[in-house]
C-alpha atoms as a PDB file:
ATOM      1  CA  MET A   1      65.270  88.641 -50.643  1.00  0.00           C
ATOM      2  CA  ASN A   2      68.328  90.915 -50.368  1.00  0.00           C
ATOM      3  CA  GLY A   3      67.418  92.541 -53.684  1.00  0.00           C
ATOM      4  CA  LYS A   4      63.917  93.348 -52.448  1.00  0.00           C
ATOM      5  CA  ARG A   5      65.312  94.657 -49.166  1.00  0.00           C
ATOM      6  CA  ASN A   6      67.797  96.923 -50.973  1.00  0.00           C
ATOM      7  CA  LEU A   7      65.060  98.184 -53.288  1.00  0.00           C
ATOM      8  CA  PHE A   8      62.889  99.015 -50.267  1.00  0.00           C
ATOM      9  CA  SER A   9      65.802 100.814 -48.566  1.00  0.00           C
ATOM     10  CA  ARG A  10      66.494 102.915 -51.653  1.00  0.00           C
ATOM     11  CA  ASN A  11      62.843 103.925 -52.005  1.00  0.00           C
ATOM     12  CA  ILE A  12      61.993 104.327 -48.310  1.00  0.00           C
ATOM     13  CA  ARG A  13      61.710 108.141 -48.559  1.00  0.00           C
ATOM     14  CA  GLU A  14      59.334 107.975 -51.519  1.00  0.00           C
ATOM     15  CA  ILE A  15      57.219 105.345 -49.750  1.00  0.00           C
ATOM     16  CA  VAL A  16      57.028 107.409 -46.550  1.00  0.00           C
ATOM     17  CA  LEU A  17      56.121 110.567 -48.487  1.00  0.00           C
ATOM     18  CA  ALA A  18      53.388 108.776 -50.420  1.00  0.00           C
ATOM     19  CA  LEU A  19      51.955 107.404 -47.159  1.00  0.00           C
ATOM     20  CA  MET A  20      52.060 110.860 -45.557  1.00  0.00           C
ATOM     21  CA  ILE A  21      50.133 112.367 -48.464  1.00  0.00           C
ATOM     22  CA  VAL A  22      47.508 109.604 -48.283  1.00  0.00           C
ATOM     23  CA  ILE A  23      47.141 109.895 -44.490  1.00  0.00           C
ATOM     24  CA  ILE A  24      46.787 113.686 -44.644  1.00  0.00           C
ATOM     25  CA  ALA A  25      44.269 113.442 -47.478  1.00  0.00           C
ATOM     26  CA  VAL A  26      42.166 110.823 -45.675  1.00  0.00           C
ATOM     27  CA  ALA A  27      42.194 112.874 -42.459  1.00  0.00           C
ATOM     28  CA  VAL A  28      41.046 115.983 -44.312  1.00  0.00           C
ATOM     29  CA  GLN A  29      38.426 113.937 -46.156  1.00  0.00           C
ATOM     30  CA  PHE A  30      36.782 113.163 -42.808  1.00  0.00           C
ATOM     31  CA  ARG A  31      37.358 116.698 -41.484  1.00  0.00           C
ATOM     32  CA  THR A  32      35.650 118.323 -44.496  1.00  0.00           C
ATOM     33  CA  GLY A  33      32.771 115.884 -44.685  1.00  0.00           C
ATOM     34  CA  GLY A  34      33.925 114.160 -47.873  1.00  0.00           C
ATOM     35  CA  LEU A  35      34.740 117.296 -49.887  1.00  0.00           C
ATOM     36  CA  PHE A  36      38.432 116.563 -50.459  1.00  0.00           C
ATOM     37  CA  PHE A  37      38.291 113.427 -52.618  1.00  0.00           C
ATOM     38  CA  THR A  38      36.347 114.952 -55.480  1.00  0.00           C
ATOM     39  CA  GLY A  39      37.578 115.034 -59.060  1.00  0.00           C
ATOM     40  CA  SER A  40      37.448 118.819 -59.294  1.00  0.00           C
ATOM     41  CA  ASN A  41      39.316 119.343 -55.998  1.00  0.00           C
ATOM     42  CA  LEU A  42      42.051 116.848 -56.863  1.00  0.00           C
ATOM     43  CA  PHE A  43      42.601 118.497 -60.246  1.00  0.00           C
ATOM     44  CA  ASP A  44      42.630 121.890 -58.517  1.00  0.00           C
ATOM     45  CA  LEU A  45      45.256 120.548 -56.096  1.00  0.00           C
ATOM     46  CA  LEU A  46      47.439 119.365 -58.985  1.00  0.00           C
ATOM     47  CA  ARG A  47      46.968 122.655 -60.802  1.00  0.00           C
ATOM     48  CA  GLU A  48      47.924 124.627 -57.697  1.00  0.00           C
ATOM     49  CA  ALA A  49      51.000 122.436 -57.156  1.00  0.00           C
ATOM     50  CA  SER A  50      52.140 122.567 -60.798  1.00  0.00           C
ATOM     51  CA  ILE A  51      54.340 125.665 -60.554  1.00  0.00           C
ATOM     52  CA  LEU A  52      55.812 124.385 -57.287  1.00  0.00           C
ATOM     53  CA  ILE A  53      56.647 121.067 -58.978  1.00  0.00           C
ATOM     54  CA  MET A  54      58.363 122.837 -61.868  1.00  0.00           C
ATOM     55  CA  VAL A  55      60.511 125.123 -59.720  1.00  0.00           C
ATOM     56  CA  SER A  56      61.364 122.268 -57.336  1.00  0.00           C
ATOM     57  CA  MET A  57      62.806 120.327 -60.274  1.00  0.00           C
ATOM     58  CA  GLY A  58      64.989 123.315 -61.104  1.00  0.00           C
ATOM     59  CA  LEU A  59      66.224 123.817 -57.552  1.00  0.00           C
ATOM     60  CA  MET A  60      66.999 120.098 -57.293  1.00  0.00           C
ATOM     61  CA  MET A  61      69.632 120.547 -60.038  1.00  0.00           C
ATOM     62  CA  VAL A  62      71.438 123.114 -57.871  1.00  0.00           C
ATOM     63  CA  ILE A  63      71.118 121.205 -54.601  1.00  0.00           C
ATOM     64  CA  LEU A  64      72.490 118.032 -56.207  1.00  0.00           C
ATOM     65  CA  THR A  65      75.793 119.873 -56.721  1.00  0.00           C
ATOM     66  CA  GLY A  66      75.905 120.822 -53.034  1.00  0.00           C
ATOM     67  CA  ASN A  67      74.727 124.411 -53.540  1.00  0.00           C
ATOM     68  CA  ILE A  68      71.463 126.261 -52.980  1.00  0.00           C
ATOM     69  CA  ASP A  69      69.575 129.107 -54.656  1.00  0.00           C
ATOM     70  CA  LEU A  70      67.740 131.511 -52.346  1.00  0.00           C
ATOM     71  CA  SER A  71      67.056 133.913 -55.224  1.00  0.00           C
ATOM     72  CA  ILE A  72      64.638 131.607 -57.023  1.00  0.00           C
ATOM     73  CA  GLY A  73      61.531 133.518 -55.907  1.00  0.00           C
ATOM     74  CA  SER A  74      63.048 136.838 -57.001  1.00  0.00           C
ATOM     75  CA  THR A  75      64.064 135.311 -60.339  1.00  0.00           C
ATOM     76  CA  MET A  76      60.459 134.232 -60.887  1.00  0.00           C
ATOM     77  CA  GLY A  77      59.192 137.684 -59.940  1.00  0.00           C
ATOM     78  CA  LEU A  78      61.723 139.463 -62.178  1.00  0.00           C
ATOM     79  CA  CYS A  79      60.965 137.318 -65.240  1.00  0.00           C
ATOM     80  CA  GLY A  80      57.224 137.599 -64.683  1.00  0.00           C
ATOM     81  CA  MET A  81      57.345 141.385 -64.285  1.00  0.00           C
ATOM     82  CA  LEU A  82      59.581 142.052 -67.303  1.00  0.00           C
ATOM     83  CA  CYS A  83      57.433 139.814 -69.518  1.00  0.00           C
ATOM     84  CA  ALA A  84      54.266 141.487 -68.221  1.00  0.00           C
ATOM     85  CA  LEU A  85      55.682 144.973 -68.909  1.00  0.00           C
ATOM     86  CA  THR A  86      56.720 143.873 -72.390  1.00  0.00           C
ATOM     87  CA  LEU A  87      53.226 142.552 -73.080  1.00  0.00           C
ATOM     88  CA  LYS A  88      51.665 145.719 -71.696  1.00  0.00           C
ATOM     89  CA  ASN A  89      53.631 147.856 -74.156  1.00  0.00           C
ATOM     90  CA  ASN A  90      53.463 145.405 -77.085  1.00  0.00           C
ATOM     91  CA  GLN A  91      50.038 143.762 -77.147  1.00  0.00           C
ATOM     92  CA  ASP A  92      50.681 142.004 -80.462  1.00  0.00           C
ATOM     93  CA  ILE A  93      53.889 140.234 -79.366  1.00  0.00           C
ATOM     94  CA  PRO A  94      53.817 136.475 -80.121  1.00  0.00           C
ATOM     95  CA  LEU A  95      53.440 134.381 -76.959  1.00  0.00           C
ATOM     96  CA  ILE A  96      56.400 132.190 -77.928  1.00  0.00           C
ATOM     97  CA  LEU A  97      58.647 135.255 -77.726  1.00  0.00           C
ATOM     98  CA  LEU A  98      57.455 135.903 -74.167  1.00  0.00           C
ATOM     99  CA  PHE A  99      58.364 132.326 -73.216  1.00  0.00           C
ATOM    100  CA  LEU A 100      61.791 132.723 -74.839  1.00  0.00           C
ATOM    101  CA  MET A 101      62.251 136.044 -73.050  1.00  0.00           C
ATOM    102  CA  ALA A 102      61.365 134.507 -69.678  1.00  0.00           C
ATOM    103  CA  ALA A 103      63.770 131.602 -70.286  1.00  0.00           C
ATOM    104  CA  LEU A 104      66.576 133.948 -71.359  1.00  0.00           C
ATOM    105  CA  ILE A 105      66.194 136.298 -68.376  1.00  0.00           C
ATOM    106  CA  GLY A 106      66.037 133.295 -66.050  1.00  0.00           C
ATOM    107  CA  ALA A 107      69.166 131.860 -67.668  1.00  0.00           C
ATOM    108  CA  LEU A 108      71.017 135.157 -67.156  1.00  0.00           C
ATOM    109  CA  CYS A 109      69.987 135.253 -63.487  1.00  0.00           C
ATOM    110  CA  GLY A 110      71.127 131.651 -63.091  1.00  0.00           C
ATOM    111  CA  PHE A 111      74.406 132.338 -64.869  1.00  0.00           C
ATOM    112  CA  LEU A 112      75.109 135.280 -62.565  1.00  0.00           C
ATOM    113  CA  ASN A 113      74.506 133.077 -59.515  1.00  0.00           C
ATOM    114  CA  GLY A 114      76.617 130.271 -60.959  1.00  0.00           C
ATOM    115  CA  PHE A 115      79.478 132.605 -61.892  1.00  0.00           C
ATOM    116  CA  ILE A 116      79.614 134.142 -58.415  1.00  0.00           C
ATOM    117  CA  VAL A 117      79.549 130.719 -56.750  1.00  0.00           C
ATOM    118  CA  ALA A 118      81.773 128.738 -59.125  1.00  0.00           C
ATOM    119  CA  LYS A 119      84.237 131.348 -60.359  1.00  0.00           C
ATOM    120  CA  LEU A 120      84.386 133.829 -57.486  1.00  0.00           C
ATOM    121  CA  HIS A 121      84.173 131.041 -54.871  1.00  0.00           C
ATOM    122  CA  VAL A 122      81.458 132.748 -52.816  1.00  0.00           C
ATOM    123  CA  TYR A 123      79.293 130.451 -50.719  1.00  0.00           C
ATOM    124  CA  ALA A 124      75.997 129.810 -52.523  1.00  0.00           C
ATOM    125  CA  LEU A 125      73.988 130.724 -49.432  1.00  0.00           C
ATOM    126  CA  ILE A 126      75.579 134.201 -49.299  1.00  0.00           C
ATOM    127  CA  ALA A 127      75.742 134.749 -53.062  1.00  0.00           C
ATOM    128  CA  THR A 128      72.117 133.904 -53.770  1.00  0.00           C
ATOM    129  CA  LEU A 129      70.898 135.756 -50.692  1.00  0.00           C
ATOM    130  CA  ALA A 130      72.548 138.857 -52.172  1.00  0.00           C
ATOM    131  CA  THR A 131      71.174 138.319 -55.674  1.00  0.00           C
ATOM    132  CA  LYS A 132      67.732 137.652 -54.192  1.00  0.00           C
ATOM    133  CA  TYR A 133      67.587 141.292 -53.089  1.00  0.00           C
ATOM    134  CA  ILE A 134      69.402 142.566 -56.186  1.00  0.00           C
ATOM    135  CA  PHE A 135      66.805 140.961 -58.477  1.00  0.00           C
ATOM    136  CA  ARG A 136      63.999 142.310 -56.302  1.00  0.00           C
ATOM    137  CA  GLY A 137      65.551 145.782 -56.642  1.00  0.00           C
ATOM    138  CA  VAL A 138      65.676 145.400 -60.434  1.00  0.00           C
ATOM    139  CA  ILE A 139      61.942 144.616 -60.390  1.00  0.00           C
ATOM    140  CA  TYR A 140      61.291 147.923 -58.617  1.00  0.00           C
ATOM    141  CA  LEU A 141      63.617 149.688 -61.048  1.00  0.00           C
ATOM    142  CA  PHE A 142      61.628 148.592 -64.110  1.00  0.00           C
ATOM    143  CA  SER A 143      58.143 148.651 -62.593  1.00  0.00           C
ATOM    144  CA  GLY A 144      58.433 151.714 -60.400  1.00  0.00           C
ATOM    145  CA  GLY A 145      56.522 149.764 -57.759  1.00  0.00           C
ATOM    146  CA  ALA A 146      53.426 149.658 -59.987  1.00  0.00           C
ATOM    147  CA  TRP A 147      51.342 146.615 -60.904  1.00  0.00           C
ATOM    148  CA  VAL A 148      50.594 145.219 -64.310  1.00  0.00           C
ATOM    149  CA  ALA A 149      46.902 144.356 -64.099  1.00  0.00           C
ATOM    150  CA  GLN A 150      44.957 141.713 -66.003  1.00  0.00           C
ATOM    151  CA  ALA A 151      43.212 144.437 -68.023  1.00  0.00           C
ATOM    152  CA  GLU A 152      46.612 145.374 -69.470  1.00  0.00           C
ATOM    153  CA  MET A 153      47.235 141.826 -70.691  1.00  0.00           C
ATOM    154  CA  THR A 154      45.778 140.056 -73.707  1.00  0.00           C
ATOM    155  CA  PRO A 155      43.112 137.320 -73.437  1.00  0.00           C
ATOM    156  CA  GLU A 156      45.435 134.951 -75.330  1.00  0.00           C
ATOM    157  CA  PHE A 157      48.098 135.421 -72.684  1.00  0.00           C
ATOM    158  CA  ILE A 158      45.728 134.823 -69.762  1.00  0.00           C
ATOM    159  CA  SER A 159      44.306 131.732 -71.464  1.00  0.00           C
ATOM    160  CA  ILE A 160      47.705 129.993 -71.330  1.00  0.00           C
ATOM    161  CA  THR A 161      46.957 128.641 -67.854  1.00  0.00           C
ATOM    162  CA  THR A 162      43.185 128.266 -68.228  1.00  0.00           C
ATOM    163  CA  THR A 163      43.031 126.046 -71.283  1.00  0.00           C
ATOM    164  CA  SER A 164      42.878 122.252 -71.090  1.00  0.00           C
ATOM    165  CA  PHE A 165      44.070 119.370 -73.234  1.00  0.00           C
ATOM    166  CA  LEU A 166      42.514 115.915 -72.866  1.00  0.00           C
ATOM    167  CA  GLY A 167      40.610 117.288 -69.895  1.00  0.00           C
ATOM    168  CA  ILE A 168      43.823 118.268 -68.065  1.00  0.00           C
ATOM    169  CA  ASN A 169      44.740 121.883 -67.323  1.00  0.00           C
ATOM    170  CA  SER A 170      47.719 123.256 -69.241  1.00  0.00           C
ATOM    171  CA  LEU A 171      49.607 124.050 -66.026  1.00  0.00           C
ATOM    172  CA  ILE A 172      49.579 120.351 -65.159  1.00  0.00           C
ATOM    173  CA  TRP A 173      50.948 119.553 -68.627  1.00  0.00           C
ATOM    174  CA  PHE A 174      53.774 122.058 -68.096  1.00  0.00           C
ATOM    175  CA  ALA A 175      54.611 120.358 -64.779  1.00  0.00           C
ATOM    176  CA  ILE A 176      54.525 116.913 -66.409  1.00  0.00           C
ATOM    177  CA  GLY A 177      56.816 118.107 -69.204  1.00  0.00           C
ATOM    178  CA  ILE A 178      59.413 119.604 -66.832  1.00  0.00           C
ATOM    179  CA  THR A 179      59.295 116.488 -64.633  1.00  0.00           C
ATOM    180  CA  VAL A 180      59.817 114.099 -67.555  1.00  0.00           C
ATOM    181  CA  ILE A 181      62.649 116.211 -68.983  1.00  0.00           C
ATOM    182  CA  SER A 182      64.307 116.355 -65.539  1.00  0.00           C
ATOM    183  CA  PHE A 183      64.038 112.571 -65.151  1.00  0.00           C
ATOM    184  CA  VAL A 184      65.583 111.916 -68.574  1.00  0.00           C
ATOM    185  CA  TYR A 185      68.310 114.513 -68.040  1.00  0.00           C
ATOM    186  CA  LEU A 186      69.410 113.214 -64.639  1.00  0.00           C
ATOM    187  CA  ASN A 187      69.197 109.515 -65.439  1.00  0.00           C
ATOM    188  CA  TYR A 188      70.144 109.226 -69.109  1.00  0.00           C
ATOM    189  CA  THR A 189      72.596 112.024 -69.905  1.00  0.00           C
ATOM    190  CA  ARG A 190      76.233 112.389 -68.982  1.00  0.00           C
ATOM    191  CA  SER A 191      75.922 116.025 -67.887  1.00  0.00           C
ATOM    192  CA  GLY A 192      72.982 115.063 -65.650  1.00  0.00           C
ATOM    193  CA  ARG A 193      75.006 112.373 -63.906  1.00  0.00           C
ATOM    194  CA  HIS A 194      77.825 114.889 -63.474  1.00  0.00           C
ATOM    195  CA  LEU A 195      75.593 116.818 -61.052  1.00  0.00           C
ATOM    196  CA  PHE A 196      75.549 113.833 -58.699  1.00  0.00           C
ATOM    197  CA  ALA A 197      79.298 113.324 -59.057  1.00  0.00           C
ATOM    198  CA  VAL A 198      80.107 116.952 -58.216  1.00  0.00           C
ATOM    199  CA  GLY A 199      77.779 116.855 -55.224  1.00  0.00           C
ATOM    200  CA  ASN A 200      79.342 113.663 -53.887  1.00  0.00           C
ATOM    201  CA  SER A 201      82.938 114.846 -54.158  1.00  0.00           C
ATOM    202  CA  GLN A 202      84.341 117.748 -56.148  1.00  0.00           C
ATOM    203  CA  ASN A 203      87.875 116.393 -55.893  1.00  0.00           C
ATOM    204  CA  ALA A 204      86.883 112.952 -57.154  1.00  0.00           C
ATOM    205  CA  ALA A 205      84.859 114.538 -59.946  1.00  0.00           C
ATOM    206  CA  GLU A 206      87.851 116.592 -61.083  1.00  0.00           C
ATOM    207  CA  VAL A 207      90.079 113.517 -61.089  1.00  0.00           C
ATOM    208  CA  THR A 208      87.650 111.766 -63.461  1.00  0.00           C
ATOM    209  CA  GLY A 209      87.746 114.722 -65.853  1.00  0.00           C
ATOM    210  CA  ILE A 210      84.489 116.423 -64.912  1.00  0.00           C
ATOM    211  CA  LYS A 211      84.558 120.214 -65.202  1.00  0.00           C
ATOM    212  CA  VAL A 212      83.257 121.038 -61.757  1.00  0.00           C
ATOM    213  CA  ARG A 213      82.869 124.810 -62.184  1.00  0.00           C
ATOM    214  CA  LEU A 214      81.083 124.449 -65.506  1.00  0.00           C
ATOM    215  CA  THR A 215      78.771 121.819 -64.012  1.00  0.00           C
ATOM    216  CA  GLN A 216      77.891 124.122 -61.115  1.00  0.00           C
ATOM    217  CA  ILE A 217      77.160 127.020 -63.460  1.00  0.00           C
ATOM    218  CA  ARG A 218      75.050 124.733 -65.653  1.00  0.00           C
ATOM    219  CA  SER A 219      72.930 123.688 -62.687  1.00  0.00           C
ATOM    220  CA  PHE A 220      72.201 127.325 -61.795  1.00  0.00           C
ATOM    221  CA  VAL A 221      71.358 128.172 -65.419  1.00  0.00           C
ATOM    222  CA  ILE A 222      68.910 125.260 -65.676  1.00  0.00           C
ATOM    223  CA  CYS A 223      67.331 126.336 -62.406  1.00  0.00           C
ATOM    224  CA  GLY A 224      67.091 129.904 -63.696  1.00  0.00           C
ATOM    225  CA  VAL A 225      65.446 128.879 -66.974  1.00  0.00           C
ATOM    226  CA  ILE A 226      62.785 126.839 -65.168  1.00  0.00           C
ATOM    227  CA  ALA A 227      62.238 129.654 -62.643  1.00  0.00           C
ATOM    228  CA  GLY A 228      61.848 132.128 -65.505  1.00  0.00           C
ATOM    229  CA  LEU A 229      59.201 130.026 -67.240  1.00  0.00           C
ATOM    230  CA  ALA A 230      57.457 129.440 -63.909  1.00  0.00           C
ATOM    231  CA  GLY A 231      57.454 133.194 -63.247  1.00  0.00           C
ATOM    232  CA  LEU A 232      55.715 133.804 -66.565  1.00  0.00           C
ATOM    233  CA  LEU A 233      53.128 131.118 -65.805  1.00  0.00           C
ATOM    234  CA  TRP A 234      52.624 132.647 -62.348  1.00  0.00           C
ATOM    235  CA  VAL A 235      51.634 135.958 -63.990  1.00  0.00           C
ATOM    236  CA  CYS A 236      49.301 134.080 -66.366  1.00  0.00           C
ATOM    237  CA  LYS A 237      47.711 132.178 -63.496  1.00  0.00           C
ATOM    238  CA  TYR A 238      47.064 135.126 -61.187  1.00  0.00           C
ATOM    239  CA  GLY A 239      46.431 137.691 -63.911  1.00  0.00           C
ATOM    240  CA  ASN A 240      48.777 140.336 -62.539  1.00  0.00           C
ATOM    241  CA  ALA A 241      52.428 141.132 -61.951  1.00  0.00           C
ATOM    242  CA  GLN A 242      53.474 142.833 -58.733  1.00  0.00           C
ATOM    243  CA  SER A 243      56.781 143.935 -57.275  1.00  0.00           C
ATOM    244  CA  GLU A 244      56.219 141.429 -54.458  1.00  0.00           C
ATOM    245  CA  SER A 245      55.236 138.509 -56.733  1.00  0.00           C
ATOM    246  CA  CYS A 246      56.757 135.195 -55.596  1.00  0.00           C
ATOM    247  CA  ASP A 247      58.435 136.862 -52.616  1.00  0.00           C
ATOM    248  CA  GLY A 248      59.278 134.118 -50.105  1.00  0.00           C
ATOM    249  CA  TYR A 249      58.300 131.371 -52.547  1.00  0.00           C
ATOM    250  CA  GLU A 250      61.738 129.796 -52.150  1.00  0.00           C
ATOM    251  CA  ILE A 251      60.698 128.487 -48.712  1.00  0.00           C
ATOM    252  CA  SER A 252      58.043 126.227 -50.225  1.00  0.00           C
ATOM    253  CA  VAL A 253      60.455 125.144 -52.960  1.00  0.00           C
ATOM    254  CA  ILE A 254      63.279 124.299 -50.557  1.00  0.00           C
ATOM    255  CA  ALA A 255      60.829 122.425 -48.331  1.00  0.00           C
ATOM    256  CA  SER A 256      59.627 120.395 -51.327  1.00  0.00           C
ATOM    257  CA  VAL A 257      63.125 119.467 -52.465  1.00  0.00           C
ATOM    258  CA  VAL A 258      64.478 118.633 -49.013  1.00  0.00           C
ATOM    259  CA  ALA A 259      61.335 116.733 -48.020  1.00  0.00           C
ATOM    260  CA  GLY A 260      61.726 114.825 -51.279  1.00  0.00           C
ATOM    261  CA  GLY A 261      65.022 113.375 -50.071  1.00  0.00           C
ATOM    262  CA  CYS A 262      67.610 115.685 -51.651  1.00  0.00           C
ATOM    263  CA  SER A 263      70.599 116.072 -49.398  1.00  0.00           C
ATOM    264  CA  ILE A 264      71.626 119.675 -48.701  1.00  0.00           C
ATOM    265  CA  ALA A 265      75.211 118.425 -48.851  1.00  0.00           C
ATOM    266  CA  GLY A 266      74.614 117.371 -52.473  1.00  0.00           C
ATOM    267  CA  GLY A 267      74.992 114.185 -54.481  1.00  0.00           C
ATOM    268  CA  GLU A 268      71.715 112.582 -53.445  1.00  0.00           C
ATOM    269  CA  GLY A 269      68.136 112.975 -54.670  1.00  0.00           C
ATOM    270  CA  SER A 270      65.597 111.736 -57.179  1.00  0.00           C
ATOM    271  CA  VAL A 271      62.916 113.181 -59.439  1.00  0.00           C
ATOM    272  CA  ALA A 272      60.299 110.882 -57.896  1.00  0.00           C
ATOM    273  CA  GLY A 273      61.179 112.046 -54.396  1.00  0.00           C
ATOM    274  CA  VAL A 274      61.079 115.743 -55.304  1.00  0.00           C
ATOM    275  CA  LEU A 275      57.772 115.225 -57.135  1.00  0.00           C
ATOM    276  CA  LEU A 276      56.269 113.659 -54.008  1.00  0.00           C
ATOM    277  CA  GLY A 277      57.793 116.385 -51.840  1.00  0.00           C
ATOM    278  CA  ALA A 278      56.201 119.068 -54.017  1.00  0.00           C
ATOM    279  CA  LEU A 279      52.869 117.216 -53.951  1.00  0.00           C
ATOM    280  CA  LEU A 280      53.102 117.045 -50.147  1.00  0.00           C
ATOM    281  CA  MET A 281      53.724 120.789 -49.892  1.00  0.00           C
ATOM    282  CA  GLY A 282      51.040 121.457 -52.497  1.00  0.00           C
ATOM    283  CA  THR A 283      48.600 119.330 -50.528  1.00  0.00           C
ATOM    284  CA  LEU A 284      49.418 121.232 -47.340  1.00  0.00           C
ATOM    285  CA  ASN A 285      49.054 124.563 -49.163  1.00  0.00           C
ATOM    286  CA  ASN A 286      45.618 123.398 -50.304  1.00  0.00           C
ATOM    287  CA  ILE A 287      44.521 121.859 -47.015  1.00  0.00           C
ATOM    288  CA  LEU A 288      45.790 124.290 -44.362  1.00  0.00           C
ATOM    289  CA  PRO A 289      43.681 127.248 -45.557  1.00  0.00           C
ATOM    290  CA  LEU A 290      40.753 124.832 -45.980  1.00  0.00           C
ATOM    291  CA  ILE A 291      40.866 123.926 -42.290  1.00  0.00           C
ATOM    292  CA  ARG A 292      41.514 127.578 -41.357  1.00  0.00           C
ATOM    293  CA  VAL A 293      45.133 127.388 -40.232  1.00  0.00           C
ATOM    294  CA  SER A 294      46.628 130.888 -39.977  1.00  0.00           C
ATOM    295  CA  THR A 295      49.335 132.047 -42.391  1.00  0.00           C
ATOM    296  CA  TYR A 296      51.875 132.246 -39.558  1.00  0.00           C
ATOM    297  CA  TRP A 297      51.302 128.624 -38.572  1.00  0.00           C
ATOM    298  CA  GLN A 298      51.507 127.585 -42.217  1.00  0.00           C
ATOM    299  CA  GLN A 299      55.026 129.078 -42.398  1.00  0.00           C
ATOM    300  CA  ALA A 300      55.944 127.370 -39.119  1.00  0.00           C
ATOM    301  CA  ILE A 301      54.777 124.013 -40.479  1.00  0.00           C
ATOM    302  CA  LYS A 302      56.901 124.456 -43.615  1.00  0.00           C
ATOM    303  CA  GLY A 303      59.936 125.289 -41.482  1.00  0.00           C
ATOM    304  CA  PHE A 304      59.281 122.231 -39.332  1.00  0.00           C
ATOM    305  CA  ILE A 305      59.101 120.024 -42.449  1.00  0.00           C
ATOM    306  CA  ILE A 306      62.461 121.372 -43.654  1.00  0.00           C
ATOM    307  CA  LEU A 307      64.094 120.716 -40.268  1.00  0.00           C
ATOM    308  CA  ILE A 308      62.693 117.195 -39.901  1.00  0.00           C
ATOM    309  CA  SER A 309      63.620 116.336 -43.503  1.00  0.00           C
ATOM    310  CA  ILE A 310      67.229 117.438 -42.987  1.00  0.00           C
ATOM    311  CA  VAL A 311      67.465 115.338 -39.809  1.00  0.00           C
ATOM    312  CA  ILE A 312      65.989 112.291 -41.565  1.00  0.00           C
ATOM    313  CA  ASN A 313      68.293 112.726 -44.576  1.00  0.00           C
ATOM    314  CA  ALA A 314      71.347 112.974 -42.301  1.00  0.00           C
ATOM    315  CA  TYR A 315      70.268 109.834 -40.450  1.00  0.00           C
ATOM    316  CA  MET A 316      69.701 107.928 -43.687  1.00  0.00           C
ATOM    317  CA  GLN A 317      73.114 108.967 -45.033  1.00  0.00           C
ATOM    318  CA  LYS A 318      74.869 107.736 -41.874  1.00  0.00           C
ATOM    319  CA  ARG A 319      72.954 104.475 -42.071  1.00  0.00           C
ATOM    320  CA  VAL A 320      73.931 103.944 -45.703  1.00  0.00           C
ATOM    321  CA  LYS A 321      77.600 104.642 -44.916  1.00  0.00           C
ATOM    322  CA  LYS A 322      77.548 102.116 -42.061  1.00  0.00           C
ATOM    323  CA  GLN A 323      76.028  99.485 -44.348  1.00  0.00           C
ATOM    324  CA  GLU A 324      78.722 100.148 -46.969  1.00  0.00           C
ATOM    325  CA  LEU A 325      81.472  99.784 -44.361  1.00  0.00           C
ATOM    326  CA  LYS A 326      80.012  96.462 -43.180  1.00  0.00           C
ATOM    327  CA  ARG A 327      79.890  95.150 -46.763  1.00  0.00           C
ATOM    328  CA  ARG A 328      83.531  96.111 -47.318  1.00  0.00           C
ATOM    329  CA  GLU A 329      84.572  94.388 -44.107  1.00  0.00           C
ATOM    330  CA  LEU A 330      82.780  91.221 -45.222  1.00  0.00           C
END
């Protein structure tokens, strides 16, 4: 009985999130006259949420160490724009090179963030807020404020996000791949477990031989690589690259990760929780325009979700600590 109770306590966030998604979906099903629960709409919902799922997995790596990355939207925009400009000027470039380019640029952006935070000891909130605008400035520098339109891209490039395999859109497969890799990395590798250790206590992690600064930099680099790939897929999906692409996207990503149970203080979170958090935000992004909620209220709802999630996470952490103290006393 105690084992079942402990299992329920550990998974309470995931259970609540799953119930919230179901309740919202059922409510919208009635509101739209049965249009929500259709195969095409559900696949569209997953496709729309795929990039959000990917980037949320990357940001989770950073938040687990007790840091945050506010530049993630600008990193996506920068990688997408530079790859689009490269394609515009080199139509015969192999697609694999564009993916490698996006990953490399994202890694460099992540390394810069990690270096400033870990080596220069600047608070992540301040450091990544600064790089957010620096990266956005670099986009303007290379693009001159101009767009790269779909007509300037190759059909092979655009088809990356329109093709299907086994009846499932390629974007969904990308999201599945990043999710599986994240799960394996965090649960079955030493460096993945180091993220949790650093987030729980940097001093304790150092005592056990963990290289805290290197671990922090690694988390930012991983986040940057995923953001870079997501930025490229964003350009493929929407068929254009703009100077404002992905601007403000970090709000949805942070909401997904925090709603998924990741503690802003670090050291706590799960792939399953973040996946459900991203699906919740993706569902809201799909539903709110459907029921004609204004853009301003959509942003307010996302902010409310972040606030409530932080409060719930803080409450759950206090509850867990009290339970641990009681067990020690017994």
